[in-house]
Amino acid sequence: MPKPQYPTKEGIWSKGKREEESYAGVKLGMPYPEAVESLRQAIEGREDFDPAVLFVWGTMQATGVLNILKAVEEAFGAEGQKVVRKAINKAGYEAMAGFLDNSTFPEDLESTELLAFMVTGINTVLYASLEKPWKLEKDRFEFDILWCPHQDRFTAFDCRVQRYFVEGMYQAIEEKGKSSITSRCEKLIPHGEECCHFWVEPYDPGEGPNPWHVYSEELARRALEKLKDKK
């Protein structure tokens, strides 16, 4: 399978523009605004600052979260797994709520547009990733992730941790955006693919458990089964 090739001019970062005309009225904000402004002031005019050190720091933090999950699973099983998952959900919720509080979306957006633009915020701001949006369909949308901060350190199975952050983010969208959504991942760079590919669509809670959460549960069970096989 082809692996990503860099550098690339494809996709958009957080300051990029989607092709939809309605995106002109979108302003993606930042969670943790005081901390963000403090960083900007600290590095302003400094030629000795290398932005890559923030990537190193973030990778260390992400590895710590992954290691905590694995250690708690091994020590406490399913109950410990639930505790860590809930804590990660909370972090994802707080980040998304802060992002929405500081972002601007036109009031006349169609529901699918609004969801797609909010997810672009998840991808490019909260995940600092390079997104290639697909054209919107009536009731769903798709996108590729062409570069992700975790792609060279996490295995495909490790990426289950990110599902827990997204669970919290989706909860924040439901409460603040008044929409319930689900999504599915069909490709992963850590699997050797050229990109990560996702589709997203509205979800009716009355139809049963959210498929995103259902698959998260499946991966959680697999993690515990792997531990049993090791013993």
Protein backbone atom coordinates (compact mmCIF):
# COMPACT_ATOMS: atom_id res chain seq x y z
CA MET A 1 0.00 0.00 0.00
CA PRO A 2 1.29 3.49 -0.79
CA LYS A 3 2.50 5.62 2.08
CA PRO A 4 2.05 9.41 2.27
CA GLN A 5 4.50 11.50 0.28
CA TYR A 6 5.76 14.86 1.55
CA PRO A 7 5.98 17.73 0.98
CA THR A 8 2.50 18.17 -0.44
CA LYS A 9 0.38 21.13 -1.50
CA GLU A 10 -2.83 19.20 -0.98
CA GLY A 11 -5.26 19.71 1.85
CA ILE A 12 -5.71 22.54 4.31
CA TRP A 13 -4.26 23.46 7.68
CA SER A 14 -6.14 25.49 10.28
CA LYS A 15 -5.73 28.77 8.36
CA GLY A 16 -6.65 27.23 5.01
CA LYS A 17 -9.91 27.70 3.15
CA ARG A 18 -12.40 25.09 2.04
CA GLU A 19 -13.85 25.42 -1.46
CA GLU A 20 -17.43 26.07 -0.31
CA GLU A 21 -18.43 29.73 -0.66
CA SER A 22 -20.15 29.60 2.72
CA TYR A 23 -16.81 28.80 4.39
CA ALA A 24 -15.78 32.43 3.86
CA GLY A 25 -17.86 33.32 6.91
CA VAL A 26 -16.23 30.70 9.14
CA LYS A 27 -13.66 31.67 11.74
CA LEU A 28 -12.02 28.78 13.54
CA GLY A 29 -11.18 29.72 17.09
CA MET A 30 -8.95 28.19 19.74
CA PRO A 31 -9.71 26.42 22.98
CA TYR A 32 -7.62 27.52 25.97
CA PRO A 33 -7.44 31.10 24.62
CA GLU A 34 -5.46 32.56 27.52
CA ALA A 35 -2.81 29.86 27.24
CA VAL A 36 -2.67 30.26 23.45
CA GLU A 37 -2.17 34.01 23.77
CA SER A 38 0.52 33.47 26.39
CA LEU A 39 2.41 31.23 23.98
CA ARG A 40 2.11 33.74 21.15
CA GLN A 41 3.48 36.49 23.35
CA ALA A 42 6.34 34.31 24.58
CA ILE A 43 7.56 33.42 21.08
CA GLU A 44 6.88 36.72 19.33
CA GLY A 45 9.98 37.95 17.52
CA ARG A 46 12.11 35.06 18.79
CA GLU A 47 14.28 33.48 16.11
CA ASP A 48 15.47 30.80 18.52
CA PHE A 49 12.04 29.14 18.77
CA ASP A 50 11.52 25.96 16.74
CA PRO A 51 7.80 25.02 16.50
CA ALA A 52 8.83 21.37 16.24
CA VAL A 53 9.54 21.32 19.98
CA LEU A 54 5.80 21.66 20.59
CA PHE A 55 5.35 18.55 18.47
CA VAL A 56 7.92 16.73 20.60
CA TRP A 57 6.17 17.87 23.78
CA GLY A 58 2.75 16.87 22.43
CA THR A 59 4.02 13.46 21.35
CA MET A 60 5.36 12.87 24.85
CA GLN A 61 1.97 13.81 26.33
CA ALA A 62 0.12 11.57 23.85
CA THR A 63 2.45 8.68 24.61
CA GLY A 64 1.83 9.23 28.31
CA VAL A 65 -1.95 8.98 27.81
CA LEU A 66 -1.52 5.79 25.78
CA ASN A 67 0.80 4.27 28.39
CA ILE A 68 -1.62 5.15 31.19
CA LEU A 69 -4.46 3.43 29.36
CA LYS A 70 -2.41 0.29 28.76
CA ALA A 71 -1.11 0.16 32.34
CA VAL A 72 -4.55 0.63 33.86
CA GLU A 73 -6.04 -2.00 31.54
CA GLU A 74 -3.39 -4.46 32.66
CA ALA A 75 -3.77 -3.66 36.36
CA PHE A 76 -7.53 -3.16 36.66
CA GLY A 77 -9.11 -4.65 33.53
CA ALA A 78 -12.40 -3.37 32.17
CA GLU A 79 -13.19 -1.12 35.15
CA GLY A 80 -9.85 0.66 34.89
CA GLN A 81 -10.34 0.97 31.16
CA LYS A 82 -13.68 2.73 31.74
CA VAL A 83 -12.10 5.22 34.15
CA VAL A 84 -9.40 6.25 31.67
CA ARG A 85 -11.87 6.38 28.79
CA LYS A 86 -14.12 8.70 30.79
CA ALA A 87 -11.18 10.97 31.60
CA ILE A 88 -10.17 11.15 27.93
CA ASN A 89 -13.81 11.83 26.97
CA LYS A 90 -13.78 14.78 29.37
CA ALA A 91 -10.61 16.22 27.84
CA GLY A 92 -12.09 15.93 24.34
CA TYR A 93 -15.33 17.55 25.50
CA GLU A 94 -13.54 20.49 27.12
CA ALA A 95 -11.34 21.10 24.07
CA MET A 96 -14.29 20.99 21.66
CA ALA A 97 -16.49 23.17 23.87
CA GLY A 98 -13.71 25.76 24.07
CA PHE A 99 -13.21 25.60 20.31
CA LEU A 100 -16.92 26.16 19.64
CA ASP A 101 -17.11 29.02 22.14
CA ASN A 102 -14.35 30.84 20.28
CA SER A 103 -15.35 30.02 16.69
CA THR A 104 -17.80 31.74 14.35
CA PHE A 105 -20.10 29.94 11.91
CA PRO A 106 -22.66 31.67 9.66
CA GLU A 107 -26.20 31.27 10.94
CA ASP A 108 -27.64 30.30 7.55
CA LEU A 109 -25.48 27.19 7.04
CA GLU A 110 -27.19 23.97 6.08
CA SER A 111 -26.88 21.32 8.79
CA THR A 112 -24.40 19.17 6.85
CA GLU A 113 -22.24 22.22 6.09
CA LEU A 114 -22.17 23.22 9.74
CA LEU A 115 -21.15 19.73 10.82
CA ALA A 116 -18.47 19.52 8.12
CA PHE A 117 -17.00 22.88 9.09
CA MET A 118 -16.98 21.95 12.79
CA VAL A 119 -15.21 18.69 11.95
CA THR A 120 -12.65 20.66 9.91
CA GLY A 121 -12.00 22.47 13.19
CA ILE A 122 -11.52 19.15 14.97
CA ASN A 123 -9.09 18.00 12.31
CA THR A 124 -7.03 21.13 11.76
CA VAL A 125 -7.16 22.83 15.17
CA LEU A 126 -7.70 20.17 17.84
CA TYR A 127 -5.69 17.52 16.00
CA ALA A 128 -3.24 19.84 14.20
CA SER A 129 -3.72 17.68 11.11
CA LEU A 130 -3.70 18.29 7.36
CA GLU A 131 -7.25 17.75 6.09
CA LYS A 132 -8.39 17.19 2.53
CA PRO A 133 -12.17 17.73 2.57
CA TRP A 134 -14.33 15.88 0.05
CA LYS A 135 -17.33 17.53 -1.57
CA LEU A 136 -20.35 17.58 0.68
CA GLU A 137 -23.27 15.28 0.06
CA LYS A 138 -26.80 15.95 1.28
CA ASP A 139 -26.65 13.91 4.47
CA ARG A 140 -23.00 13.00 4.90
CA PHE A 141 -19.47 14.13 4.16
CA GLU A 142 -16.04 12.60 3.87
CA PHE A 143 -12.47 13.73 4.32
CA ASP A 144 -8.89 12.52 4.18
CA ILE A 145 -6.22 13.21 6.77
CA LEU A 146 -2.98 13.59 4.85
CA TRP A 147 -0.76 14.09 7.89
CA CYS A 148 -1.48 13.46 11.57
CA PRO A 149 0.84 14.11 14.54
CA HIS A 150 0.45 10.50 15.69
CA GLN A 151 1.01 8.71 12.39
CA ASP A 152 4.71 7.91 12.87
CA ARG A 153 4.51 6.93 16.55
CA PHE A 154 1.15 5.23 17.13
CA THR A 155 0.19 1.86 15.71
CA ALA A 156 -3.22 1.56 14.10
CA PHE A 157 -4.49 -0.12 17.27
CA ASP A 158 -3.05 2.66 19.44
CA CYS A 159 -5.27 5.10 17.56
CA ARG A 160 -8.20 3.75 19.60
CA VAL A 161 -7.17 6.33 22.20
CA GLN A 162 -8.13 9.08 19.77
CA ARG A 163 -11.61 7.60 19.49
CA TYR A 164 -12.13 8.42 23.17
CA PHE A 165 -11.20 12.07 22.64
CA VAL A 166 -13.62 12.19 19.69
CA GLU A 167 -16.42 10.72 21.82
CA GLY A 168 -16.13 13.74 24.09
CA MET A 169 -15.91 16.11 21.12
CA TYR A 170 -19.08 14.67 19.60
CA GLN A 171 -20.84 15.08 22.94
CA ALA A 172 -19.89 18.77 22.96
CA ILE A 173 -21.23 19.18 19.41
CA GLU A 174 -24.49 17.54 20.45
CA GLU A 175 -24.90 19.87 23.40
CA LYS A 176 -23.73 23.08 21.72
CA GLY A 177 -24.48 22.38 18.05
CA LYS A 178 -27.69 20.46 18.81
CA SER A 179 -26.70 17.71 16.35
CA SER A 180 -25.85 14.08 16.93
CA ILE A 181 -23.28 12.59 14.57
CA THR A 182 -21.41 9.41 13.96
CA SER A 183 -18.43 8.55 11.79
CA ARG A 184 -16.35 5.69 10.51
CA CYS A 185 -12.69 5.32 9.66
CA GLU A 186 -12.00 3.42 6.44
CA LYS A 187 -8.24 3.94 6.04
CA LEU A 188 -5.35 4.56 8.43
CA ILE A 189 -1.85 5.82 7.67
CA PRO A 190 -0.36 3.50 10.37
CA HIS A 191 -1.80 0.63 8.30
CA GLY A 192 0.39 1.76 5.41
CA GLU A 193 -2.32 3.70 3.58
CA GLU A 194 -1.63 6.98 1.77
CA CYS A 195 -4.08 8.78 4.08
CA CYS A 196 -6.61 8.28 6.83
CA HIS A 197 -10.13 8.37 5.39
CA PHE A 198 -13.33 9.09 7.32
CA TRP A 199 -16.97 9.69 6.59
CA VAL A 200 -19.37 11.46 8.92
CA GLU A 201 -23.15 11.65 8.98
CA PRO A 202 -25.98 12.69 11.32
CA TYR A 203 -27.06 10.09 13.83
CA ASP A 204 -30.45 9.51 15.47
CA PRO A 205 -30.00 8.38 19.10
CA GLY A 206 -33.41 6.73 18.86
CA GLU A 207 -31.97 4.18 16.45
CA GLY A 208 -29.71 2.64 19.10
CA PRO A 209 -26.08 3.00 20.20
CA ASN A 210 -23.84 5.32 18.20
CA PRO A 211 -21.81 3.16 15.77
CA TRP A 212 -18.67 5.16 16.64
CA HIS A 213 -19.05 4.16 20.29
CA VAL A 214 -19.96 0.59 19.38
CA TYR A 215 -16.68 0.13 17.51
CA SER A 216 -14.81 1.79 20.37
CA GLU A 217 -16.28 -0.86 22.65
CA GLU A 218 -15.13 -3.57 20.25
CA LEU A 219 -11.57 -2.24 20.31
CA ALA A 220 -11.68 -2.04 24.10
CA ARG A 221 -12.66 -5.71 24.26
CA ARG A 222 -9.85 -6.61 21.88
CA ALA A 223 -7.34 -4.81 24.09
CA LEU A 224 -8.38 -6.86 27.10
CA GLU A 225 -8.32 -10.07 25.06
CA LYS A 226 -4.75 -9.30 24.00
CA LEU A 227 -3.77 -8.96 27.63
CA LYS A 228 -5.30 -12.37 28.42
CA ASP A 229 -3.35 -13.93 25.54
CA LYS A 230 -0.10 -12.52 26.95
CA LYS A 231 -0.61 -14.19 30.33
